Amino acid sequence: MRDKRTRTKKVICVKTYSGNEVLDLTVYCHAGLFALLQFIAPAIYRDLGKPAEAVQQGQPPEASAVRVRHVRSSGVI
């Protein structure tokens, strides 16, 4: 559309596709679960039935089986 008085064009954009927020959130959840299973606390989250039961009972998941990372060196001295 062109405005006769100001001689400027007005562009109207129409969205032709739907958003993919649901897909993005699903991928983020799977990535978070993968990180929990592989790197953060594999002893706790290998069997997801135990933490689910603990949460349903109102308790946090057991933290006793968590591996503690030790720092051997703080860098170059």
Protein backbone atom coordinates (compact mmCIF):
# COMPACT_ATOMS: atom_id res chain seq x y z
CA MET A 1 0.00 0.00 0.00
CA ARG A 2 1.29 3.47 -0.82
CA ASP A 3 0.31 6.59 1.13
CA LYS A 4 -0.49 9.37 -1.35
CA ARG A 5 0.32 12.18 1.06
CA THR A 6 3.70 11.00 2.37
CA ARG A 7 4.62 8.73 -0.58
CA THR A 8 5.72 5.95 1.72
CA LYS A 9 5.00 2.28 1.40
CA LYS A 10 3.33 0.33 4.17
CA VAL A 11 4.19 -3.34 4.28
CA ILE A 12 1.90 -5.80 6.02
CA CYS A 13 3.53 -9.06 7.13
CA VAL A 14 1.37 -12.13 7.50
CA LYS A 15 2.63 -15.05 9.55
CA THR A 16 2.50 -18.12 7.31
CA TYR A 17 3.80 -20.76 9.71
CA SER A 18 3.08 -21.87 13.25
CA GLY A 19 5.62 -21.64 16.04
CA ASN A 20 7.68 -24.59 17.20
CA GLU A 21 7.96 -23.80 20.91
CA VAL A 22 6.60 -27.21 21.90
CA LEU A 23 9.25 -28.97 19.85
CA ASP A 24 11.97 -26.74 21.31
CA LEU A 25 10.87 -27.49 24.88
CA THR A 26 10.72 -31.22 24.17
CA VAL A 27 14.27 -31.17 22.81
CA TYR A 28 15.50 -29.15 25.82
CA CYS A 29 13.90 -31.66 28.21
CA HIS A 30 15.54 -34.59 26.43
CA ALA A 31 18.91 -32.82 26.48
CA GLY A 32 18.57 -32.11 30.21
CA LEU A 33 17.66 -35.72 30.92
CA PHE A 34 20.64 -36.89 28.87
CA ALA A 35 22.95 -34.61 30.87
CA LEU A 36 21.55 -35.94 34.14
CA LEU A 37 21.96 -39.54 33.05
CA GLN A 38 25.45 -39.22 31.63
CA PHE A 39 27.31 -36.48 33.47
CA ILE A 40 25.68 -34.93 36.52
CA ALA A 41 24.36 -37.78 38.65
CA PRO A 42 24.30 -41.08 36.81
CA ALA A 43 23.95 -43.17 39.99
CA ILE A 44 20.72 -41.42 40.93
CA TYR A 45 19.10 -40.91 37.56
CA ARG A 46 19.86 -44.25 35.85
CA ASP A 47 16.69 -45.68 37.36
CA LEU A 48 14.12 -42.87 37.12
CA GLY A 49 11.56 -44.85 39.12
CA LYS A 50 13.35 -44.23 42.43
CA PRO A 51 13.46 -40.41 42.18
CA ALA A 52 9.86 -40.35 40.93
CA GLU A 53 8.69 -42.30 43.98
CA ALA A 54 10.68 -40.02 46.31
CA VAL A 55 9.17 -36.90 44.76
CA GLN A 56 5.66 -38.34 45.00
CA GLN A 57 6.26 -38.93 48.72
CA GLY A 58 7.41 -35.32 49.10
CA GLN A 59 11.11 -36.04 49.57
CA PRO A 60 14.05 -34.92 47.42
CA PRO A 61 15.94 -37.65 45.52
CA GLU A 62 18.72 -39.39 47.44
CA ALA A 63 21.98 -37.47 47.33
CA SER A 64 24.14 -40.13 48.97
CA ALA A 65 24.99 -41.87 45.69
CA VAL A 66 26.20 -38.72 43.96
CA ARG A 67 29.81 -38.80 42.79
CA VAL A 68 31.88 -35.92 44.03
CA ARG A 69 34.35 -34.43 41.60
CA HIS A 70 37.73 -33.67 43.09
CA VAL A 71 39.95 -30.91 41.75
CA ARG A 72 43.49 -32.19 41.39
CA SER A 73 44.98 -28.91 40.30
CA SER A 74 43.77 -25.34 40.41
CA GLY A 75 45.78 -24.41 37.34
CA VAL A 76 49.29 -23.26 36.56
CA ILE A 77 51.07 -21.70 39.51
